[in-house]
Amino acid sequence: MTEVHHEDVAAYALGLLNEEERAAFERHLDACGTCASEVGSFAAMGELIKGVHPDDLLPQPPDPQVESLLVHRAAKERRRRSLHRGLMTAAACLVVAAGVFLAVSSVTSGPNPDSVHGPARELLLTGRTYSVTDPATGVSGVVGLEDKGWGTHVALELKGVKGPLQCRLVAFGDDGRSEVVASWGVPEKGYGVPGSPDPLVLHGGTSLPQAELNHFAIQTSDGRTLATVTV
């Protein structure tokens, strides 16, 4: 049986696992909400490292006078890794090192990567979807749902909202229970509006089973409802 580790989420999102490893990790995703929510972060790295040769990511030979035992052992281990494993490690390190840059640039200098590709967009294309446009606020949203062993995987496409705002997507069950699926910030330029046409696309999860969901509310942080999506 193929052994699955949580750290395989980067390799899965970047398409670096073989067929057997990929199938095993997808079974793992059904029961692990943490890994499911992290897949989107690593999927965005696919475009960032496209065209980069793995040799370009290897370090230069270290200076013998300053090389520590730890660095020496790490370099030796990298030389033994296969090509695709080396690329996976470099990509994961790049995510950690550039995390702040990616968080800022996703708001200030381009569309959300999930608006083009990624697990959120895939769920909106393949899952069960529900949509709404609120006539009072002008906000429109599409919610995609997928059953998981831990609850429901949820994706959201949001348009017609300007910032600055702090928002959240809240799931409500038939029994009155509610859970926050995801929260995000809306920059001043907004999403899906003139001058900023790209929608916000994101995903998260709720422990509520899909069969027990009643509706979703797109709210501001102070509790104002921008749109309600009935399921």
C-alpha atoms as a PDB file:
ATOM      1  CA  MET A   1       0.000   0.000   0.000  1.00  0.00           C
ATOM      2  CA  THR A   2       1.340   3.466  -0.908  1.00  0.00           C
ATOM      3  CA  GLU A   3       2.264   5.520   2.163  1.00  0.00           C
ATOM      4  CA  VAL A   4       0.692   9.013   2.221  1.00  0.00           C
ATOM      5  CA  HIS A   5       2.178  12.022   4.027  1.00  0.00           C
ATOM      6  CA  HIS A   6       0.627  15.456   4.621  1.00  0.00           C
ATOM      7  CA  GLU A   7       3.666  17.035   2.957  1.00  0.00           C
ATOM      8  CA  ASP A   8       2.697  15.309  -0.326  1.00  0.00           C
ATOM      9  CA  VAL A   9       0.117  18.098  -0.853  1.00  0.00           C
ATOM     10  CA  ALA A  10       2.695  20.149  -2.818  1.00  0.00           C
ATOM     11  CA  ALA A  11       3.594  17.246  -5.086  1.00  0.00           C
ATOM     12  CA  TYR A  12      -0.093  16.478  -5.705  1.00  0.00           C
ATOM     13  CA  ALA A  13      -1.014  20.084  -6.525  1.00  0.00           C
ATOM     14  CA  LEU A  14       1.944  20.387  -8.931  1.00  0.00           C
ATOM     15  CA  GLY A  15       1.179  17.079 -10.692  1.00  0.00           C
ATOM     16  CA  LEU A  16       4.424  15.415  -9.599  1.00  0.00           C
ATOM     17  CA  LEU A  17       3.002  12.208  -8.132  1.00  0.00           C
ATOM     18  CA  ASN A  18       2.799   9.037 -10.151  1.00  0.00           C
ATOM     19  CA  GLU A  19      -0.568   7.395 -10.807  1.00  0.00           C
ATOM     20  CA  GLU A  20      -0.465   5.172  -7.726  1.00  0.00           C
ATOM     21  CA  GLU A  21       0.681   7.996  -5.427  1.00  0.00           C
ATOM     22  CA  ARG A  22      -1.942  10.389  -6.835  1.00  0.00           C
ATOM     23  CA  ALA A  23      -4.775   7.897  -6.276  1.00  0.00           C
ATOM     24  CA  ALA A  24      -3.631   7.262  -2.708  1.00  0.00           C
ATOM     25  CA  PHE A  25      -3.395  10.981  -1.941  1.00  0.00           C
ATOM     26  CA  GLU A  26      -6.874  11.659  -3.375  1.00  0.00           C
ATOM     27  CA  ARG A  27      -8.238   9.049  -0.983  1.00  0.00           C
ATOM     28  CA  HIS A  28      -6.385  10.880   1.787  1.00  0.00           C
ATOM     29  CA  LEU A  29      -7.984  14.217   0.747  1.00  0.00           C
ATOM     30  CA  ASP A  30     -11.455  12.780   1.316  1.00  0.00           C
ATOM     31  CA  ALA A  31     -10.698  12.493   5.016  1.00  0.00           C
ATOM     32  CA  CYS A  32      -8.304  15.423   5.581  1.00  0.00           C
ATOM     33  CA  GLY A  33      -9.760  18.910   5.521  1.00  0.00           C
ATOM     34  CA  THR A  34      -6.348  20.482   6.229  1.00  0.00           C
ATOM     35  CA  CYS A  35      -4.745  19.061   3.094  1.00  0.00           C
ATOM     36  CA  ALA A  36      -7.836  19.855   1.007  1.00  0.00           C
ATOM     37  CA  SER A  37      -7.642  23.527   2.015  1.00  0.00           C
ATOM     38  CA  GLU A  38      -3.878  23.698   1.287  1.00  0.00           C
ATOM     39  CA  VAL A  39      -4.028  22.238  -2.231  1.00  0.00           C
ATOM     40  CA  GLY A  40      -5.057  25.599  -3.728  1.00  0.00           C
ATOM     41  CA  SER A  41      -2.028  27.397  -2.238  1.00  0.00           C
ATOM     42  CA  PHE A  42       0.389  24.998  -3.903  1.00  0.00           C
ATOM     43  CA  ALA A  43      -1.561  24.846  -7.204  1.00  0.00           C
ATOM     44  CA  ALA A  44      -0.788  28.541  -7.728  1.00  0.00           C
ATOM     45  CA  MET A  45       2.921  27.661  -7.776  1.00  0.00           C
ATOM     46  CA  GLY A  46       2.483  25.741 -11.048  1.00  0.00           C
ATOM     47  CA  GLU A  47       2.462  28.935 -13.113  1.00  0.00           C
ATOM     48  CA  LEU A  48       5.227  30.558 -11.044  1.00  0.00           C
ATOM     49  CA  ILE A  49       7.758  27.776 -11.690  1.00  0.00           C
ATOM     50  CA  LYS A  50       6.651  26.913 -15.260  1.00  0.00           C
ATOM     51  CA  GLY A  51       9.644  26.817 -17.560  1.00  0.00           C
ATOM     52  CA  VAL A  52      12.193  26.686 -14.738  1.00  0.00           C
ATOM     53  CA  HIS A  53      14.762  23.924 -15.213  1.00  0.00           C
ATOM     54  CA  PRO A  54      15.413  21.928 -12.032  1.00  0.00           C
ATOM     55  CA  ASP A  55      19.180  22.500 -12.425  1.00  0.00           C
ATOM     56  CA  ASP A  56      18.558  26.228 -12.000  1.00  0.00           C
ATOM     57  CA  LEU A  57      17.119  25.545  -8.546  1.00  0.00           C
ATOM     58  CA  LEU A  58      20.135  23.656  -7.187  1.00  0.00           C
ATOM     59  CA  PRO A  59      22.555  25.620  -4.978  1.00  0.00           C
ATOM     60  CA  GLN A  60      26.075  26.532  -6.086  1.00  0.00           C
ATOM     61  CA  PRO A  61      28.905  24.436  -4.598  1.00  0.00           C
ATOM     62  CA  PRO A  62      29.337  25.635  -1.015  1.00  0.00           C
ATOM     63  CA  ASP A  63      32.496  27.305   0.250  1.00  0.00           C
ATOM     64  CA  PRO A  64      34.432  24.547   2.068  1.00  0.00           C
ATOM     65  CA  GLN A  65      35.492  27.036   4.743  1.00  0.00           C
ATOM     66  CA  VAL A  66      31.929  27.908   5.766  1.00  0.00           C
ATOM     67  CA  GLU A  67      30.053  24.738   4.864  1.00  0.00           C
ATOM     68  CA  SER A  68      28.357  23.202   7.892  1.00  0.00           C
ATOM     69  CA  LEU A  69      27.741  19.505   8.329  1.00  0.00           C
ATOM     70  CA  LEU A  70      23.981  20.097   7.910  1.00  0.00           C
ATOM     71  CA  VAL A  71      24.432  21.897   4.593  1.00  0.00           C
ATOM     72  CA  HIS A  72      26.809  19.218   3.349  1.00  0.00           C
ATOM     73  CA  ARG A  73      24.368  16.426   4.163  1.00  0.00           C
ATOM     74  CA  ALA A  74      21.442  18.308   2.592  1.00  0.00           C
ATOM     75  CA  ALA A  75      23.382  18.904  -0.630  1.00  0.00           C
ATOM     76  CA  LYS A  76      24.350  15.235  -0.792  1.00  0.00           C
ATOM     77  CA  GLU A  77      20.715  14.201  -0.323  1.00  0.00           C
ATOM     78  CA  ARG A  78      19.520  16.538  -3.099  1.00  0.00           C
ATOM     79  CA  ARG A  79      21.962  14.967  -5.564  1.00  0.00           C
ATOM     80  CA  ARG A  80      20.401  11.563  -4.887  1.00  0.00           C
ATOM     81  CA  ARG A  81      16.845  12.689  -5.497  1.00  0.00           C
ATOM     82  CA  SER A  82      15.083  12.076  -8.746  1.00  0.00           C
ATOM     83  CA  LEU A  83      14.380  14.962 -11.101  1.00  0.00           C
ATOM     84  CA  HIS A  84      10.720  15.432 -10.211  1.00  0.00           C
ATOM     85  CA  ARG A  85      11.329  15.084  -6.456  1.00  0.00           C
ATOM     86  CA  GLY A  86      13.986  17.786  -6.665  1.00  0.00           C
ATOM     87  CA  LEU A  87      11.559  20.116  -8.381  1.00  0.00           C
ATOM     88  CA  MET A  88       8.879  19.398  -5.772  1.00  0.00           C
ATOM     89  CA  THR A  89      11.228  20.314  -2.916  1.00  0.00           C
ATOM     90  CA  ALA A  90      12.332  23.520  -4.609  1.00  0.00           C
ATOM     91  CA  ALA A  91       8.747  24.542  -5.234  1.00  0.00           C
ATOM     92  CA  ALA A  92       7.755  23.909  -1.632  1.00  0.00           C
ATOM     93  CA  CYS A  93      10.708  25.958  -0.374  1.00  0.00           C
ATOM     94  CA  LEU A  94       9.790  28.732  -2.773  1.00  0.00           C
ATOM     95  CA  VAL A  95       6.247  28.826  -1.357  1.00  0.00           C
ATOM     96  CA  VAL A  96       7.612  29.299   2.162  1.00  0.00           C
ATOM     97  CA  ALA A  97      10.224  31.892   1.179  1.00  0.00           C
ATOM     98  CA  ALA A  98       7.864  33.926  -1.009  1.00  0.00           C
ATOM     99  CA  GLY A  99       4.648  33.518   0.947  1.00  0.00           C
ATOM    100  CA  VAL A 100       4.378  37.188   1.897  1.00  0.00           C
ATOM    101  CA  PHE A 101       5.121  38.306  -1.651  1.00  0.00           C
ATOM    102  CA  LEU A 102       2.449  36.035  -3.100  1.00  0.00           C
ATOM    103  CA  ALA A 103      -0.135  37.165  -0.548  1.00  0.00           C
ATOM    104  CA  VAL A 104       0.479  40.824  -1.431  1.00  0.00           C
ATOM    105  CA  SER A 105       0.774  40.388  -5.191  1.00  0.00           C
ATOM    106  CA  SER A 106      -2.449  38.355  -5.378  1.00  0.00           C
ATOM    107  CA  VAL A 107      -4.287  41.459  -4.151  1.00  0.00           C
ATOM    108  CA  THR A 108      -2.307  44.241  -5.811  1.00  0.00           C
ATOM    109  CA  SER A 109      -0.921  43.017  -9.113  1.00  0.00           C
ATOM    110  CA  GLY A 110      -3.096  40.412 -10.778  1.00  0.00           C
ATOM    111  CA  PRO A 111      -6.114  38.131 -10.668  1.00  0.00           C
ATOM    112  CA  ASN A 112      -6.565  35.457  -8.096  1.00  0.00           C
ATOM    113  CA  PRO A 113      -4.779  32.361  -9.518  1.00  0.00           C
ATOM    114  CA  ASP A 114      -7.893  30.314  -8.778  1.00  0.00           C
ATOM    115  CA  SER A 115      -9.878  32.530 -11.163  1.00  0.00           C
ATOM    116  CA  VAL A 116      -8.024  30.738 -13.976  1.00  0.00           C
ATOM    117  CA  HIS A 117      -7.147  27.313 -12.560  1.00  0.00           C
ATOM    118  CA  GLY A 118      -6.949  25.386  -9.339  1.00  0.00           C
ATOM    119  CA  PRO A 119      -9.207  23.303  -7.118  1.00  0.00           C
ATOM    120  CA  ALA A 120     -11.750  26.103  -6.541  1.00  0.00           C
ATOM    121  CA  ARG A 121     -12.297  26.670 -10.265  1.00  0.00           C
ATOM    122  CA  GLU A 122     -12.369  22.905 -10.887  1.00  0.00           C
ATOM    123  CA  LEU A 123     -15.062  22.455  -8.223  1.00  0.00           C
ATOM    124  CA  LEU A 124     -17.164  25.231  -9.761  1.00  0.00           C
ATOM    125  CA  LEU A 125     -16.980  23.392 -13.095  1.00  0.00           C
ATOM    126  CA  THR A 126     -17.580  19.841 -11.852  1.00  0.00           C
ATOM    127  CA  GLY A 127     -19.488  20.131  -8.572  1.00  0.00           C
ATOM    128  CA  ARG A 128     -23.114  20.902  -7.814  1.00  0.00           C
ATOM    129  CA  THR A 129     -23.525  24.664  -8.192  1.00  0.00           C
ATOM    130  CA  TYR A 130     -25.967  27.290  -6.937  1.00  0.00           C
ATOM    131  CA  SER A 131     -25.993  30.978  -7.869  1.00  0.00           C
ATOM    132  CA  VAL A 132     -27.554  34.277  -6.839  1.00  0.00           C
ATOM    133  CA  THR A 133     -27.483  37.973  -7.670  1.00  0.00           C
ATOM    134  CA  ASP A 134     -28.713  40.265  -4.915  1.00  0.00           C
ATOM    135  CA  PRO A 135     -30.745  43.117  -6.461  1.00  0.00           C
ATOM    136  CA  ALA A 136     -30.111  45.426  -3.501  1.00  0.00           C
ATOM    137  CA  THR A 137     -26.314  45.097  -3.228  1.00  0.00           C
ATOM    138  CA  GLY A 138     -25.491  44.074  -6.806  1.00  0.00           C
ATOM    139  CA  VAL A 139     -23.320  41.275  -5.450  1.00  0.00           C
ATOM    140  CA  SER A 140     -23.457  37.964  -7.313  1.00  0.00           C
ATOM    141  CA  GLY A 141     -22.073  34.636  -6.242  1.00  0.00           C
ATOM    142  CA  VAL A 142     -21.781  31.038  -7.399  1.00  0.00           C
ATOM    143  CA  VAL A 143     -21.257  28.277  -4.839  1.00  0.00           C
ATOM    144  CA  GLY A 144     -19.931  24.830  -5.815  1.00  0.00           C
ATOM    145  CA  LEU A 145     -20.290  21.829  -3.524  1.00  0.00           C
ATOM    146  CA  GLU A 146     -18.617  18.435  -3.264  1.00  0.00           C
ATOM    147  CA  ASP A 147     -19.184  15.694  -0.686  1.00  0.00           C
ATOM    148  CA  LYS A 148     -16.153  14.719   1.397  1.00  0.00           C
ATOM    149  CA  GLY A 149     -15.648  12.233   4.182  1.00  0.00           C
ATOM    150  CA  TRP A 150     -15.086  15.126   6.608  1.00  0.00           C
ATOM    151  CA  GLY A 151     -18.079  17.223   5.405  1.00  0.00           C
ATOM    152  CA  THR A 152     -18.471  19.393   2.295  1.00  0.00           C
ATOM    153  CA  HIS A 153     -15.838  20.983   0.070  1.00  0.00           C
ATOM    154  CA  VAL A 154     -17.098  24.460  -0.906  1.00  0.00           C
ATOM    155  CA  ALA A 155     -15.976  26.832  -3.679  1.00  0.00           C
ATOM    156  CA  LEU A 156     -17.129  30.422  -4.216  1.00  0.00           C
ATOM    157  CA  GLU A 157     -16.985  32.796  -7.171  1.00  0.00           C
ATOM    158  CA  LEU A 158     -17.774  36.363  -6.118  1.00  0.00           C
ATOM    159  CA  LYS A 159     -18.501  39.398  -8.330  1.00  0.00           C
ATOM    160  CA  GLY A 160     -19.886  42.897  -7.962  1.00  0.00           C
ATOM    161  CA  VAL A 161     -18.200  43.832  -4.693  1.00  0.00           C
ATOM    162  CA  LYS A 162     -15.955  46.830  -3.950  1.00  0.00           C
ATOM    163  CA  GLY A 163     -13.703  47.387  -0.960  1.00  0.00           C
ATOM    164  CA  PRO A 164     -12.126  47.864   1.303  1.00  0.00           C
ATOM    165  CA  LEU A 165     -14.084  45.167   3.122  1.00  0.00           C
ATOM    166  CA  GLN A 166     -13.502  42.137   5.293  1.00  0.00           C
ATOM    167  CA  CYS A 167     -15.885  39.356   4.267  1.00  0.00           C
ATOM    168  CA  ARG A 168     -16.767  35.768   5.075  1.00  0.00           C
ATOM    169  CA  LEU A 169     -18.804  32.896   3.648  1.00  0.00           C
ATOM    170  CA  VAL A 170     -21.035  31.251   6.252  1.00  0.00           C
ATOM    171  CA  ALA A 171     -22.758  27.884   5.812  1.00  0.00           C
ATOM    172  CA  PHE A 172     -26.131  27.312   7.498  1.00  0.00           C
ATOM    173  CA  GLY A 173     -27.618  23.874   8.122  1.00  0.00           C
ATOM    174  CA  ASP A 174     -31.242  22.795   8.140  1.00  0.00           C
ATOM    175  CA  ASP A 175     -31.013  22.512  11.930  1.00  0.00           C
ATOM    176  CA  GLY A 176     -29.854  26.114  12.359  1.00  0.00           C
ATOM    177  CA  ARG A 177     -26.155  25.361  12.809  1.00  0.00           C
ATOM    178  CA  SER A 178     -23.724  27.732  11.142  1.00  0.00           C
ATOM    179  CA  GLU A 179     -20.013  27.537  10.295  1.00  0.00           C
ATOM    180  CA  VAL A 180     -17.614  29.978   8.639  1.00  0.00           C
ATOM    181  CA  VAL A 181     -16.367  28.347   5.434  1.00  0.00           C
ATOM    182  CA  ALA A 182     -13.808  31.016   4.487  1.00  0.00           C
ATOM    183  CA  SER A 183     -12.912  34.649   5.127  1.00  0.00           C
ATOM    184  CA  TRP A 184     -11.079  37.177   2.940  1.00  0.00           C
ATOM    185  CA  GLY A 185     -10.290  40.824   2.359  1.00  0.00           C
ATOM    186  CA  VAL A 186     -11.653  42.850  -0.558  1.00  0.00           C
ATOM    187  CA  PRO A 187      -9.235  45.525  -1.820  1.00  0.00           C
ATOM    188  CA  GLU A 188     -10.508  48.969  -2.740  1.00  0.00           C
ATOM    189  CA  LYS A 189     -10.673  48.139  -6.453  1.00  0.00           C
ATOM    190  CA  GLY A 190     -12.977  45.199  -5.716  1.00  0.00           C
ATOM    191  CA  TYR A 191     -13.824  42.043  -7.671  1.00  0.00           C
ATOM    192  CA  GLY A 192     -15.988  41.610 -10.772  1.00  0.00           C
ATOM    193  CA  VAL A 193     -16.612  45.347 -11.189  1.00  0.00           C
ATOM    194  CA  PRO A 194     -15.675  47.907 -13.878  1.00  0.00           C
ATOM    195  CA  GLY A 195     -11.928  48.413 -13.820  1.00  0.00           C
ATOM    196  CA  SER A 196     -11.418  45.151 -11.942  1.00  0.00           C
ATOM    197  CA  PRO A 197     -13.362  42.506 -13.908  1.00  0.00           C
ATOM    198  CA  ASP A 198     -11.748  39.389 -12.434  1.00  0.00           C
ATOM    199  CA  PRO A 199     -13.939  37.619  -9.866  1.00  0.00           C
ATOM    200  CA  LEU A 200     -12.722  36.412  -6.523  1.00  0.00           C
ATOM    201  CA  VAL A 201     -12.516  32.597  -6.561  1.00  0.00           C
ATOM    202  CA  LEU A 202     -11.710  30.686  -3.393  1.00  0.00           C
ATOM    203  CA  HIS A 203     -12.544  27.476  -1.588  1.00  0.00           C
ATOM    204  CA  GLY A 204     -12.872  26.108   1.916  1.00  0.00           C
ATOM    205  CA  GLY A 205     -14.837  23.518   3.831  1.00  0.00           C
ATOM    206  CA  THR A 206     -17.550  22.851   6.376  1.00  0.00           C
ATOM    207  CA  SER A 207     -18.225  19.850   8.568  1.00  0.00           C
ATOM    208  CA  LEU A 208     -21.916  20.060   7.593  1.00  0.00           C
ATOM    209  CA  PRO A 209     -22.796  17.289   5.103  1.00  0.00           C
ATOM    210  CA  GLN A 210     -24.096  18.538   1.754  1.00  0.00           C
ATOM    211  CA  ALA A 211     -27.490  16.887   2.371  1.00  0.00           C
ATOM    212  CA  GLU A 212     -27.944  18.966   5.548  1.00  0.00           C
ATOM    213  CA  LEU A 213     -27.015  22.356   4.063  1.00  0.00           C
ATOM    214  CA  ASN A 214     -29.744  24.995   3.800  1.00  0.00           C
ATOM    215  CA  HIS A 215     -28.051  28.131   2.503  1.00  0.00           C
ATOM    216  CA  PHE A 216     -24.849  30.177   2.408  1.00  0.00           C
ATOM    217  CA  ALA A 217     -24.526  33.839   3.373  1.00  0.00           C
ATOM    218  CA  ILE A 218     -21.861  36.171   1.964  1.00  0.00           C
ATOM    219  CA  GLN A 219     -21.358  38.637   4.808  1.00  0.00           C
ATOM    220  CA  THR A 220     -19.153  41.528   5.851  1.00  0.00           C
ATOM    221  CA  SER A 221     -17.213  41.184   9.092  1.00  0.00           C
ATOM    222  CA  ASP A 222     -19.812  43.319  10.909  1.00  0.00           C
ATOM    223  CA  GLY A 223     -22.617  40.917   9.944  1.00  0.00           C
ATOM    224  CA  ARG A 224     -24.136  42.743   6.944  1.00  0.00           C
ATOM    225  CA  THR A 225     -25.369  40.240   4.336  1.00  0.00           C
ATOM    226  CA  LEU A 226     -24.284  40.953   0.769  1.00  0.00           C
ATOM    227  CA  ALA A 227     -26.000  37.931  -0.802  1.00  0.00           C
ATOM    228  CA  THR A 228     -27.680  34.673   0.227  1.00  0.00           C
ATOM    229  CA  VAL A 229     -27.258  31.489  -1.805  1.00  0.00           C
ATOM    230  CA  THR A 230     -29.989  28.913  -1.205  1.00  0.00           C
ATOM    231  CA  VAL A 231     -29.078  25.264  -1.795  1.00  0.00           C
END
